[in-house]
Amino acid sequence: MITATPDGVMIDVRVIPRASKSCIAGTRDDALVVRLTAPPVEGAANEALVEVLAKTLGVPKRAVTIASGEHTRHKRVRVAGIDAETARARLIGRAGCRAG
């Protein structure tokens, strides 16, 4: 799910658009599940995904790029400037969509 790269990490993500709340929802089938309020049109969900991951990981939005899967629910996201252990701790530690 999270793979180290020379400049950061690569994360396998499954996106669920049009959710009631944007959040990290846990893992499923060896991918990080991210719920997004944005619809999957005109790049809105991709933009929201970048924002959610950047905020959760504590990196600037410019450090987060979609490496593959721009038009599918299954994506590979590259994040620069963070190591795999830190990314795993921040993502899994904040997993779970809570009301409110």
C-alpha atoms as a PDB file:
ATOM      1  CA  MET A   1       0.000   0.000   0.000  1.00  0.00           C
ATOM      2  CA  ILE A   2       2.805   2.465   0.900  1.00  0.00           C
ATOM      3  CA  THR A   3       6.083   1.994  -0.940  1.00  0.00           C
ATOM      4  CA  ALA A   4       9.268   3.955  -0.332  1.00  0.00           C
ATOM      5  CA  THR A   5      10.768   5.814  -3.306  1.00  0.00           C
ATOM      6  CA  PRO A   6      14.052   7.760  -3.542  1.00  0.00           C
ATOM      7  CA  ASP A   7      12.284  11.093  -2.927  1.00  0.00           C
ATOM      8  CA  GLY A   8       9.286  10.037  -0.826  1.00  0.00           C
ATOM      9  CA  VAL A   9       6.543   7.414  -1.066  1.00  0.00           C
ATOM     10  CA  MET A  10       4.053   5.898  -3.508  1.00  0.00           C
ATOM     11  CA  ILE A  11       0.597   5.154  -2.090  1.00  0.00           C
ATOM     12  CA  ASP A  12      -2.087   2.898  -3.592  1.00  0.00           C
ATOM     13  CA  VAL A  13      -5.438   4.633  -3.095  1.00  0.00           C
ATOM     14  CA  ARG A  14      -9.086   3.709  -3.667  1.00  0.00           C
ATOM     15  CA  VAL A  15     -11.258   6.816  -3.919  1.00  0.00           C
ATOM     16  CA  ILE A  16     -14.946   6.957  -3.018  1.00  0.00           C
ATOM     17  CA  PRO A  17     -16.355  10.199  -4.505  1.00  0.00           C
ATOM     18  CA  ARG A  18     -19.571  11.948  -3.454  1.00  0.00           C
ATOM     19  CA  ALA A  19     -19.233  10.845   0.161  1.00  0.00           C
ATOM     20  CA  SER A  20     -20.893  12.777   2.969  1.00  0.00           C
ATOM     21  CA  LYS A  21     -17.478  13.733   4.407  1.00  0.00           C
ATOM     22  CA  SER A  22     -13.910  13.841   3.070  1.00  0.00           C
ATOM     23  CA  CYS A  23     -11.667  11.609   5.182  1.00  0.00           C
ATOM     24  CA  ILE A  24      -9.244   8.697   5.322  1.00  0.00           C
ATOM     25  CA  ALA A  25     -11.548   5.696   5.769  1.00  0.00           C
ATOM     26  CA  GLY A  26      -8.985   2.953   6.406  1.00  0.00           C
ATOM     27  CA  THR A  27      -7.695   0.245   4.086  1.00  0.00           C
ATOM     28  CA  ARG A  28      -9.257  -2.274   1.739  1.00  0.00           C
ATOM     29  CA  ASP A  29      -7.630  -4.775  -0.639  1.00  0.00           C
ATOM     30  CA  ASP A  30      -4.140  -3.403   0.090  1.00  0.00           C
ATOM     31  CA  ALA A  31      -5.125   0.190  -0.749  1.00  0.00           C
ATOM     32  CA  LEU A  32      -5.812   3.272   1.325  1.00  0.00           C
ATOM     33  CA  VAL A  33      -9.526   4.164   1.151  1.00  0.00           C
ATOM     34  CA  VAL A  34     -10.218   7.893   0.888  1.00  0.00           C
ATOM     35  CA  ARG A  35     -13.771   9.242   0.922  1.00  0.00           C
ATOM     36  CA  LEU A  36     -14.269  12.575  -0.862  1.00  0.00           C
ATOM     37  CA  THR A  37     -17.251  14.908  -0.985  1.00  0.00           C
ATOM     38  CA  ALA A  38     -16.221  16.024  -4.486  1.00  0.00           C
ATOM     39  CA  PRO A  39     -17.793  14.413  -7.565  1.00  0.00           C
ATOM     40  CA  PRO A  40     -15.584  12.587 -10.084  1.00  0.00           C
ATOM     41  CA  VAL A  41     -15.978  15.261 -12.764  1.00  0.00           C
ATOM     42  CA  GLU A  42     -13.538  17.788 -14.238  1.00  0.00           C
ATOM     43  CA  GLY A  43     -10.769  16.714 -11.863  1.00  0.00           C
ATOM     44  CA  ALA A  44     -12.664  17.781  -8.731  1.00  0.00           C
ATOM     45  CA  ALA A  45     -12.146  14.461  -6.936  1.00  0.00           C
ATOM     46  CA  ASN A  46      -8.441  14.389  -7.859  1.00  0.00           C
ATOM     47  CA  GLU A  47      -8.012  17.911  -6.501  1.00  0.00           C
ATOM     48  CA  ALA A  48      -9.815  16.978  -3.292  1.00  0.00           C
ATOM     49  CA  LEU A  49      -7.676  13.834  -2.947  1.00  0.00           C
ATOM     50  CA  VAL A  50      -4.485  15.891  -3.190  1.00  0.00           C
ATOM     51  CA  GLU A  51      -5.800  18.295  -0.518  1.00  0.00           C
ATOM     52  CA  VAL A  52      -6.836  15.520   1.897  1.00  0.00           C
ATOM     53  CA  LEU A  53      -3.547  13.634   1.555  1.00  0.00           C
ATOM     54  CA  ALA A  54      -1.402  16.778   1.829  1.00  0.00           C
ATOM     55  CA  LYS A  55      -3.222  17.916   4.968  1.00  0.00           C
ATOM     56  CA  THR A  56      -3.132  14.465   6.583  1.00  0.00           C
ATOM     57  CA  LEU A  57       0.540  13.889   5.776  1.00  0.00           C
ATOM     58  CA  GLY A  58       1.611  17.427   6.679  1.00  0.00           C
ATOM     59  CA  VAL A  59       3.206  18.181   3.313  1.00  0.00           C
ATOM     60  CA  PRO A  60       2.505  20.981   0.806  1.00  0.00           C
ATOM     61  CA  LYS A  61      -0.050  20.218  -1.923  1.00  0.00           C
ATOM     62  CA  ARG A  62       2.695  20.549  -4.548  1.00  0.00           C
ATOM     63  CA  ALA A  63       4.399  17.485  -2.978  1.00  0.00           C
ATOM     64  CA  VAL A  64       1.386  15.269  -3.816  1.00  0.00           C
ATOM     65  CA  THR A  65       0.876  14.111  -7.416  1.00  0.00           C
ATOM     66  CA  ILE A  66      -1.295  11.465  -9.004  1.00  0.00           C
ATOM     67  CA  ALA A  67       1.111   9.098 -10.767  1.00  0.00           C
ATOM     68  CA  SER A  68      -1.558   6.908 -12.367  1.00  0.00           C
ATOM     69  CA  GLY A  69      -5.311   6.395 -12.372  1.00  0.00           C
ATOM     70  CA  GLU A  70      -6.456   9.977 -12.910  1.00  0.00           C
ATOM     71  CA  HIS A  71      -9.733   8.754 -14.405  1.00  0.00           C
ATOM     72  CA  THR A  72     -10.373   5.706 -12.184  1.00  0.00           C
ATOM     73  CA  ARG A  73     -11.146   5.044  -8.528  1.00  0.00           C
ATOM     74  CA  HIS A  74      -7.870   3.135  -8.101  1.00  0.00           C
ATOM     75  CA  LYS A  75      -4.921   5.519  -8.101  1.00  0.00           C
ATOM     76  CA  ARG A  76      -1.210   5.567  -7.352  1.00  0.00           C
ATOM     77  CA  VAL A  77      -0.196   8.768  -5.622  1.00  0.00           C
ATOM     78  CA  ARG A  78       3.377  10.010  -5.282  1.00  0.00           C
ATOM     79  CA  VAL A  79       4.242  12.063  -2.204  1.00  0.00           C
ATOM     80  CA  ALA A  80       7.630  13.780  -2.006  1.00  0.00           C
ATOM     81  CA  GLY A  81       9.441  14.736   1.168  1.00  0.00           C
ATOM     82  CA  ILE A  82       8.157  12.048   3.540  1.00  0.00           C
ATOM     83  CA  ASP A  83       9.357   8.568   4.467  1.00  0.00           C
ATOM     84  CA  ALA A  84       7.211   5.421   4.434  1.00  0.00           C
ATOM     85  CA  GLU A  85       7.184   4.961   8.200  1.00  0.00           C
ATOM     86  CA  THR A  86       5.996   8.530   8.845  1.00  0.00           C
ATOM     87  CA  ALA A  87       3.398   8.325   6.058  1.00  0.00           C
ATOM     88  CA  ARG A  88       2.039   5.032   7.409  1.00  0.00           C
ATOM     89  CA  ALA A  89       1.785   6.414  10.948  1.00  0.00           C
ATOM     90  CA  ARG A  90       0.005   9.593   9.840  1.00  0.00           C
ATOM     91  CA  LEU A  91      -2.429   7.853   7.458  1.00  0.00           C
ATOM     92  CA  ILE A  92      -3.320   4.831   9.557  1.00  0.00           C
ATOM     93  CA  GLY A  93      -3.340   6.881  12.768  1.00  0.00           C
ATOM     94  CA  ARG A  94      -5.996   9.184  11.304  1.00  0.00           C
ATOM     95  CA  ALA A  95      -8.054   6.517   9.558  1.00  0.00           C
ATOM     96  CA  GLY A  96     -11.728   6.323  10.311  1.00  0.00           C
ATOM     97  CA  CYS A  97     -14.477   8.691   9.245  1.00  0.00           C
ATOM     98  CA  ARG A  98     -16.254  10.096  12.223  1.00  0.00           C
ATOM     99  CA  ALA A  99     -19.442  12.110  12.217  1.00  0.00           C
ATOM    100  CA  GLY A 100     -19.157  15.725  13.134  1.00  0.00           C
END
